Amino acid sequence: MIENSDFETFLYISKSKYQIFVYDKNDLKNLYNEKIENNDELELNTLSKFLDDHIYKIEKMIKNFIRNIILIVEDDKILDTVISFKKKNYDKKKYQKHLENTLVEVKDIFRENYQDQTIMHMIVLDNDKNENNLLINNDDDDYLFLEVNFISITNNLTFYFDKLLAIHQIEIKKYMSGKYIKSYIGEDLTKLSMMANKLNNGLNKSEVQLVSKNVVNRGFFEKFFQLFS
């Protein structure tokens, strides 16, 4: 039996292809990698059958249940937008705390203006980086200036995906953008799970990791910020 902590399951969904991976986090390779071509549209019945065909095979192979999955979506409906934010930095000695609070404010601004969206990635753009890999206004260091890139998916899509995986008693642990991951690896999908795993573990130091309120994961805190989702 393979322990759940030893592997990560990824499901890649696009209009042209469905692909499922089981990634071994110890040996850094795919234990399972199967795909099906699609007819240039997102067809949930086909996706459901694809899952039926492979979830049982995977669970039989690892002799364990798949409890959760990371869903990688590539679709032209994915929103990619940037929010700029400037705020007075009253206490420079508490820069780190001020920065964290500001990132929470920016996230809340996005959610207030895009209530129909679920955030997949929150990335601080790295022009004129300081030592923290985050933006400041060099002309006036009394102010903190951030430009944050949000990549998000519509709640309508997450609703359908959540319901579909729930049939298999699987929870979607996280949504990721296929386009964002492929910006690191190109079109080689054999590397998709490896790169997704690396990004989830802080490869991009400018990406803010969004974690649920009931998850405690302090190990990565020194490498990058974690904000409650």
C-alpha atoms as a PDB file:
ATOM      1  CA  MET A   1       0.000   0.000   0.000  1.00  0.00           C
ATOM      2  CA  ILE A   2       1.249   3.466  -0.934  1.00  0.00           C
ATOM      3  CA  GLU A   3       0.579   6.074   1.741  1.00  0.00           C
ATOM      4  CA  ASN A   4      -1.498   9.073   0.637  1.00  0.00           C
ATOM      5  CA  SER A   5       1.322  11.376   1.708  1.00  0.00           C
ATOM      6  CA  ASP A   6       3.708   9.683  -0.756  1.00  0.00           C
ATOM      7  CA  PHE A   7       1.864  10.681  -3.913  1.00  0.00           C
ATOM      8  CA  GLU A   8      -0.251  13.424  -5.462  1.00  0.00           C
ATOM      9  CA  THR A   9      -3.048  12.894  -7.976  1.00  0.00           C
ATOM     10  CA  PHE A  10      -3.552  15.443 -10.753  1.00  0.00           C
ATOM     11  CA  LEU A  11      -6.360  15.694 -13.286  1.00  0.00           C
ATOM     12  CA  TYR A  12      -5.707  17.842 -16.362  1.00  0.00           C
ATOM     13  CA  ILE A  13      -8.748  19.130 -18.231  1.00  0.00           C
ATOM     14  CA  SER A  14      -8.825  21.038 -21.516  1.00  0.00           C
ATOM     15  CA  LYS A  15     -11.154  21.171 -24.497  1.00  0.00           C
ATOM     16  CA  SER A  16      -8.916  18.795 -26.436  1.00  0.00           C
ATOM     17  CA  LYS A  17      -7.678  16.382 -23.765  1.00  0.00           C
ATOM     18  CA  TYR A  18      -8.277  14.802 -20.359  1.00  0.00           C
ATOM     19  CA  GLN A  19      -5.254  13.368 -18.547  1.00  0.00           C
ATOM     20  CA  ILE A  20      -4.799  11.880 -15.083  1.00  0.00           C
ATOM     21  CA  PHE A  21      -1.474  11.528 -13.262  1.00  0.00           C
ATOM     22  CA  VAL A  22      -0.351   9.929 -10.035  1.00  0.00           C
ATOM     23  CA  TYR A  23       2.920  11.577  -9.079  1.00  0.00           C
ATOM     24  CA  ASP A  24       5.364   9.871  -6.700  1.00  0.00           C
ATOM     25  CA  LYS A  25       6.727  12.661  -4.486  1.00  0.00           C
ATOM     26  CA  ASN A  26       9.585  10.496  -3.231  1.00  0.00           C
ATOM     27  CA  ASP A  27      10.915   9.176  -6.548  1.00  0.00           C
ATOM     28  CA  LEU A  28       9.824  12.310  -8.479  1.00  0.00           C
ATOM     29  CA  LYS A  29       8.117  10.434 -11.297  1.00  0.00           C
ATOM     30  CA  ASN A  30       4.658   9.473 -12.514  1.00  0.00           C
ATOM     31  CA  LEU A  31       3.309   6.168 -11.235  1.00  0.00           C
ATOM     32  CA  TYR A  32       0.299   6.504 -13.511  1.00  0.00           C
ATOM     33  CA  ASN A  33      -0.305   8.605 -16.611  1.00  0.00           C
ATOM     34  CA  GLU A  34      -3.303   8.082 -18.878  1.00  0.00           C
ATOM     35  CA  LYS A  35      -5.112  10.396 -21.273  1.00  0.00           C
ATOM     36  CA  ILE A  36      -7.974  10.620 -23.724  1.00  0.00           C
ATOM     37  CA  GLU A  37      -8.344  13.009 -26.639  1.00  0.00           C
ATOM     38  CA  ASN A  38     -11.427  15.195 -26.739  1.00  0.00           C
ATOM     39  CA  ASN A  39     -13.392  16.907 -29.533  1.00  0.00           C
ATOM     40  CA  ASP A  40     -12.513  20.517 -28.777  1.00  0.00           C
ATOM     41  CA  GLU A  41     -15.179  20.986 -26.130  1.00  0.00           C
ATOM     42  CA  LEU A  42     -15.610  20.313 -22.435  1.00  0.00           C
ATOM     43  CA  GLU A  43     -17.903  17.301 -22.280  1.00  0.00           C
ATOM     44  CA  LEU A  44     -18.755  16.299 -18.729  1.00  0.00           C
ATOM     45  CA  ASN A  45     -20.223  12.885 -19.640  1.00  0.00           C
ATOM     46  CA  THR A  46     -16.974  11.935 -21.382  1.00  0.00           C
ATOM     47  CA  LEU A  47     -14.989  13.239 -18.417  1.00  0.00           C
ATOM     48  CA  SER A  48     -17.157  11.251 -15.997  1.00  0.00           C
ATOM     49  CA  LYS A  49     -16.556   8.040 -17.960  1.00  0.00           C
ATOM     50  CA  PHE A  50     -12.824   8.797 -18.092  1.00  0.00           C
ATOM     51  CA  LEU A  51     -12.788   9.045 -14.306  1.00  0.00           C
ATOM     52  CA  ASP A  52     -14.833   5.864 -13.941  1.00  0.00           C
ATOM     53  CA  ASP A  53     -12.292   4.037 -16.095  1.00  0.00           C
ATOM     54  CA  HIS A  54      -9.212   5.200 -14.220  1.00  0.00           C
ATOM     55  CA  ILE A  55     -10.001   5.967 -10.572  1.00  0.00           C
ATOM     56  CA  TYR A  56     -10.593   2.294  -9.775  1.00  0.00           C
ATOM     57  CA  LYS A  57      -7.394   1.267 -11.609  1.00  0.00           C
ATOM     58  CA  ILE A  58      -5.358   3.814  -9.663  1.00  0.00           C
ATOM     59  CA  GLU A  59      -6.812   2.814  -6.300  1.00  0.00           C
ATOM     60  CA  LYS A  60      -6.159  -0.838  -7.097  1.00  0.00           C
ATOM     61  CA  MET A  61      -2.572  -0.039  -8.086  1.00  0.00           C
ATOM     62  CA  ILE A  62      -1.753   1.998  -4.966  1.00  0.00           C
ATOM     63  CA  LYS A  63      -3.937  -0.188  -2.705  1.00  0.00           C
ATOM     64  CA  ASN A  64      -5.402   2.943  -1.202  1.00  0.00           C
ATOM     65  CA  PHE A  65      -8.259   5.365  -1.806  1.00  0.00           C
ATOM     66  CA  ILE A  66      -7.781   8.670  -3.577  1.00  0.00           C
ATOM     67  CA  ARG A  67      -9.029  11.184  -1.038  1.00  0.00           C
ATOM     68  CA  ASN A  68      -8.303  14.385  -2.943  1.00  0.00           C
ATOM     69  CA  ILE A  69      -7.066  15.594  -6.297  1.00  0.00           C
ATOM     70  CA  ILE A  70      -5.503  18.708  -7.812  1.00  0.00           C
ATOM     71  CA  LEU A  71      -7.447  19.862 -10.853  1.00  0.00           C
ATOM     72  CA  ILE A  72      -5.455  21.526 -13.647  1.00  0.00           C
ATOM     73  CA  VAL A  73      -7.705  23.418 -16.050  1.00  0.00           C
ATOM     74  CA  GLU A  74      -6.814  24.977 -19.393  1.00  0.00           C
ATOM     75  CA  ASP A  75      -9.684  26.950 -20.867  1.00  0.00           C
ATOM     76  CA  ASP A  76     -10.205  30.275 -22.647  1.00  0.00           C
ATOM     77  CA  LYS A  77     -12.719  31.264 -19.952  1.00  0.00           C
ATOM     78  CA  ILE A  78     -10.001  31.433 -17.288  1.00  0.00           C
ATOM     79  CA  LEU A  79      -9.596  35.020 -16.130  1.00  0.00           C
ATOM     80  CA  ASP A  80      -6.134  36.604 -15.989  1.00  0.00           C
ATOM     81  CA  THR A  81      -6.123  40.084 -14.475  1.00  0.00           C
ATOM     82  CA  VAL A  82      -3.798  42.459 -12.602  1.00  0.00           C
ATOM     83  CA  ILE A  83      -4.660  44.676  -9.624  1.00  0.00           C
ATOM     84  CA  SER A  84      -2.349  47.533  -8.649  1.00  0.00           C
ATOM     85  CA  PHE A  85      -2.384  48.748  -5.052  1.00  0.00           C
ATOM     86  CA  LYS A  86      -0.572  51.565  -3.262  1.00  0.00           C
ATOM     87  CA  LYS A  87      -0.700  52.044   0.503  1.00  0.00           C
ATOM     88  CA  LYS A  88       1.007  54.200   3.090  1.00  0.00           C
ATOM     89  CA  ASN A  89       3.661  52.292   5.068  1.00  0.00           C
ATOM     90  CA  TYR A  90       3.335  53.876   8.506  1.00  0.00           C
ATOM     91  CA  ASP A  91       5.770  51.652  10.367  1.00  0.00           C
ATOM     92  CA  LYS A  92       8.767  50.502   8.311  1.00  0.00           C
ATOM     93  CA  LYS A  93       9.961  48.318  11.204  1.00  0.00           C
ATOM     94  CA  LYS A  94       6.885  46.150  10.690  1.00  0.00           C
ATOM     95  CA  TYR A  95       7.288  45.868   6.922  1.00  0.00           C
ATOM     96  CA  GLN A  96       6.653  42.122   6.806  1.00  0.00           C
ATOM     97  CA  LYS A  97       3.370  42.327   8.713  1.00  0.00           C
ATOM     98  CA  HIS A  98       2.312  45.368   6.718  1.00  0.00           C
ATOM     99  CA  LEU A  99       3.045  43.516   3.495  1.00  0.00           C
ATOM    100  CA  GLU A 100       1.020  40.472   4.551  1.00  0.00           C
ATOM    101  CA  ASN A 101      -1.946  42.652   5.532  1.00  0.00           C
ATOM    102  CA  THR A 102      -1.727  44.491   2.220  1.00  0.00           C
ATOM    103  CA  LEU A 103      -1.769  41.233   0.267  1.00  0.00           C
ATOM    104  CA  VAL A 104      -4.899  40.195   2.165  1.00  0.00           C
ATOM    105  CA  GLU A 105      -6.492  43.545   1.239  1.00  0.00           C
ATOM    106  CA  VAL A 106      -5.642  43.061  -2.439  1.00  0.00           C
ATOM    107  CA  LYS A 107      -7.089  39.548  -2.354  1.00  0.00           C
ATOM    108  CA  ASP A 108     -10.280  40.895  -0.763  1.00  0.00           C
ATOM    109  CA  ILE A 109     -10.518  43.597  -3.455  1.00  0.00           C
ATOM    110  CA  PHE A 110     -10.361  40.932  -6.141  1.00  0.00           C
ATOM    111  CA  ARG A 111     -13.026  38.843  -4.456  1.00  0.00           C
ATOM    112  CA  GLU A 112     -15.301  41.827  -3.982  1.00  0.00           C
ATOM    113  CA  ASN A 113     -15.082  42.759  -7.672  1.00  0.00           C
ATOM    114  CA  TYR A 114     -15.075  39.224  -9.096  1.00  0.00           C
ATOM    115  CA  GLN A 115     -17.532  37.381  -6.896  1.00  0.00           C
ATOM    116  CA  ASP A 116     -18.190  34.792  -9.601  1.00  0.00           C
ATOM    117  CA  GLN A 117     -14.547  33.677  -9.632  1.00  0.00           C
ATOM    118  CA  THR A 118     -12.418  31.221  -7.651  1.00  0.00           C
ATOM    119  CA  ILE A 119      -8.746  32.205  -7.337  1.00  0.00           C
ATOM    120  CA  MET A 120      -6.293  29.626  -8.685  1.00  0.00           C
ATOM    121  CA  HIS A 121      -3.087  31.678  -8.537  1.00  0.00           C
ATOM    122  CA  MET A 122      -2.128  34.968  -6.885  1.00  0.00           C
ATOM    123  CA  ILE A 123       1.250  36.183  -8.155  1.00  0.00           C
ATOM    124  CA  VAL A 124       3.079  39.343  -7.143  1.00  0.00           C
ATOM    125  CA  LEU A 125       4.619  40.805 -10.287  1.00  0.00           C
ATOM    126  CA  ASP A 126       8.344  41.211  -9.910  1.00  0.00           C
ATOM    127  CA  ASN A 127       9.299  44.472 -11.613  1.00  0.00           C
ATOM    128  CA  ASP A 128      11.871  46.417  -9.562  1.00  0.00           C
ATOM    129  CA  LYS A 129      12.085  43.675  -6.939  1.00  0.00           C
ATOM    130  CA  ASN A 130      13.362  44.312  -3.457  1.00  0.00           C
ATOM    131  CA  GLU A 131      15.023  41.654  -1.302  1.00  0.00           C
ATOM    132  CA  ASN A 132      11.633  40.148  -0.449  1.00  0.00           C
ATOM    133  CA  ASN A 133      10.893  39.662  -4.151  1.00  0.00           C
ATOM    134  CA  LEU A 134       7.971  42.060  -3.824  1.00  0.00           C
ATOM    135  CA  LEU A 135       7.296  45.486  -5.212  1.00  0.00           C
ATOM    136  CA  ILE A 136       7.976  48.774  -3.501  1.00  0.00           C
ATOM    137  CA  ASN A 137       7.890  52.340  -4.731  1.00  0.00           C
ATOM    138  CA  ASN A 138      11.562  53.282  -4.894  1.00  0.00           C
ATOM    139  CA  ASP A 139      10.792  56.964  -5.402  1.00  0.00           C
ATOM    140  CA  ASP A 140       8.904  57.186  -2.144  1.00  0.00           C
ATOM    141  CA  ASP A 141       9.579  54.373   0.310  1.00  0.00           C
ATOM    142  CA  ASP A 142       6.889  55.700   2.639  1.00  0.00           C
ATOM    143  CA  TYR A 143       4.494  53.807   0.375  1.00  0.00           C
ATOM    144  CA  LEU A 144       4.123  50.159  -0.498  1.00  0.00           C
ATOM    145  CA  PHE A 145       3.213  49.541  -4.134  1.00  0.00           C
ATOM    146  CA  LEU A 146       2.047  46.125  -5.335  1.00  0.00           C
ATOM    147  CA  GLU A 147       0.947  44.738  -8.666  1.00  0.00           C
ATOM    148  CA  VAL A 148      -0.733  41.377  -8.228  1.00  0.00           C
ATOM    149  CA  ASN A 149      -1.709  38.985 -11.017  1.00  0.00           C
ATOM    150  CA  PHE A 150      -4.838  36.914 -10.315  1.00  0.00           C
ATOM    151  CA  ILE A 151      -5.607  33.800 -12.364  1.00  0.00           C
ATOM    152  CA  SER A 152      -9.095  32.501 -11.640  1.00  0.00           C
ATOM    153  CA  ILE A 153     -11.829  30.156 -12.781  1.00  0.00           C
ATOM    154  CA  THR A 154     -15.582  30.734 -12.777  1.00  0.00           C
ATOM    155  CA  ASN A 155     -17.612  29.384  -9.867  1.00  0.00           C
ATOM    156  CA  ASN A 156     -19.938  27.719 -12.387  1.00  0.00           C
ATOM    157  CA  LEU A 157     -17.107  25.474 -13.561  1.00  0.00           C
ATOM    158  CA  THR A 158     -15.853  24.705 -10.051  1.00  0.00           C
ATOM    159  CA  PHE A 159     -19.419  23.773  -9.062  1.00  0.00           C
ATOM    160  CA  TYR A 160     -19.642  21.141 -11.815  1.00  0.00           C
ATOM    161  CA  PHE A 161     -16.151  19.797 -11.182  1.00  0.00           C
ATOM    162  CA  ASP A 162     -16.726  19.592  -7.421  1.00  0.00           C
ATOM    163  CA  LYS A 163     -19.978  17.678  -7.925  1.00  0.00           C
ATOM    164  CA  LEU A 164     -18.415  15.357 -10.485  1.00  0.00           C
ATOM    165  CA  LEU A 165     -15.477  14.375  -8.254  1.00  0.00           C
ATOM    166  CA  ALA A 166     -17.780  14.084  -5.227  1.00  0.00           C
ATOM    167  CA  ILE A 167     -19.487  11.159  -6.986  1.00  0.00           C
ATOM    168  CA  HIS A 168     -16.175   9.339  -6.576  1.00  0.00           C
ATOM    169  CA  GLN A 169     -15.854  10.589  -2.976  1.00  0.00           C
ATOM    170  CA  ILE A 170     -12.901  12.731  -4.018  1.00  0.00           C
ATOM    171  CA  GLU A 171     -12.393  16.319  -2.918  1.00  0.00           C
ATOM    172  CA  ILE A 172     -10.730  18.862  -5.194  1.00  0.00           C
ATOM    173  CA  LYS A 173      -7.795  20.017  -3.100  1.00  0.00           C
ATOM    174  CA  LYS A 174      -6.761  22.858  -5.377  1.00  0.00           C
ATOM    175  CA  TYR A 175      -7.413  24.364  -8.800  1.00  0.00           C
ATOM    176  CA  MET A 176      -4.431  25.248 -11.004  1.00  0.00           C
ATOM    177  CA  SER A 177      -4.101  26.879 -14.413  1.00  0.00           C
ATOM    178  CA  GLY A 178      -2.717  24.661 -17.144  1.00  0.00           C
ATOM    179  CA  LYS A 179      -1.502  27.697 -19.081  1.00  0.00           C
ATOM    180  CA  TYR A 180       0.404  28.973 -16.037  1.00  0.00           C
ATOM    181  CA  ILE A 181       2.095  25.605 -15.441  1.00  0.00           C
ATOM    182  CA  LYS A 182       2.953  25.243 -19.131  1.00  0.00           C
ATOM    183  CA  SER A 183       4.664  28.636 -19.067  1.00  0.00           C
ATOM    184  CA  TYR A 184       7.438  26.734 -17.228  1.00  0.00           C
ATOM    185  CA  ILE A 185       7.523  23.493 -19.258  1.00  0.00           C
ATOM    186  CA  GLY A 186       6.072  24.259 -22.693  1.00  0.00           C
ATOM    187  CA  GLU A 187       3.744  21.672 -24.232  1.00  0.00           C
ATOM    188  CA  ASP A 188       5.412  18.583 -22.719  1.00  0.00           C
ATOM    189  CA  LEU A 189       2.543  17.231 -20.616  1.00  0.00           C
ATOM    190  CA  THR A 190       4.700  14.426 -19.230  1.00  0.00           C
ATOM    191  CA  LYS A 191       6.268  17.121 -17.024  1.00  0.00           C
ATOM    192  CA  LEU A 192       2.941  18.660 -16.004  1.00  0.00           C
ATOM    193  CA  SER A 193       2.552  16.841 -12.678  1.00  0.00           C
ATOM    194  CA  MET A 194       6.200  17.396 -11.751  1.00  0.00           C
ATOM    195  CA  MET A 195       5.970  21.136 -12.379  1.00  0.00           C
ATOM    196  CA  ALA A 196       2.582  21.443 -10.664  1.00  0.00           C
ATOM    197  CA  ASN A 197       4.082  19.771  -7.598  1.00  0.00           C
ATOM    198  CA  LYS A 198       7.070  22.141  -7.644  1.00  0.00           C
ATOM    199  CA  LEU A 199       4.841  25.213  -7.956  1.00  0.00           C
ATOM    200  CA  ASN A 200       2.711  23.987  -5.053  1.00  0.00           C
ATOM    201  CA  ASN A 201       5.885  23.763  -3.003  1.00  0.00           C
ATOM    202  CA  GLY A 202       7.043  27.314  -3.655  1.00  0.00           C
ATOM    203  CA  LEU A 203       9.038  27.198  -6.898  1.00  0.00           C
ATOM    204  CA  ASN A 204       7.732  30.649  -7.826  1.00  0.00           C
ATOM    205  CA  LYS A 205       8.704  32.756  -4.817  1.00  0.00           C
ATOM    206  CA  SER A 206       6.389  35.519  -6.064  1.00  0.00           C
ATOM    207  CA  GLU A 207       3.285  33.329  -5.848  1.00  0.00           C
ATOM    208  CA  VAL A 208       1.174  33.711  -2.732  1.00  0.00           C
ATOM    209  CA  GLN A 209       0.060  30.322  -1.495  1.00  0.00           C
ATOM    210  CA  LEU A 210      -3.622  30.271  -0.544  1.00  0.00           C
ATOM    211  CA  VAL A 211      -4.409  27.722   2.164  1.00  0.00           C
ATOM    212  CA  SER A 212      -7.684  26.864   3.848  1.00  0.00           C
ATOM    213  CA  LYS A 213      -8.261  28.103   7.381  1.00  0.00           C
ATOM    214  CA  ASN A 214      -8.186  24.632   8.881  1.00  0.00           C
ATOM    215  CA  VAL A 215      -4.802  23.742   7.392  1.00  0.00           C
ATOM    216  CA  VAL A 216      -1.627  24.392   9.358  1.00  0.00           C
ATOM    217  CA  ASN A 217       1.498  24.283   7.218  1.00  0.00           C
ATOM    218  CA  ARG A 218       4.202  26.415   8.749  1.00  0.00           C
ATOM    219  CA  GLY A 219       7.076  24.665   7.015  1.00  0.00           C
ATOM    220  CA  PHE A 220       6.944  26.851   3.936  1.00  0.00           C
ATOM    221  CA  PHE A 221       6.317  30.149   5.708  1.00  0.00           C
ATOM    222  CA  GLU A 222       9.923  31.315   5.481  1.00  0.00           C
ATOM    223  CA  LYS A 223       9.930  30.770   1.719  1.00  0.00           C
ATOM    224  CA  PHE A 224       6.676  32.431   0.737  1.00  0.00           C
ATOM    225  CA  PHE A 225       3.478  33.868   2.140  1.00  0.00           C
ATOM    226  CA  GLN A 226       0.387  31.840   2.945  1.00  0.00           C
ATOM    227  CA  LEU A 227      -2.959  33.630   3.054  1.00  0.00           C
ATOM    228  CA  PHE A 228      -6.262  32.177   4.134  1.00  0.00           C
ATOM    229  CA  SER A 229      -8.483  31.368   1.202  1.00  0.00           C
END
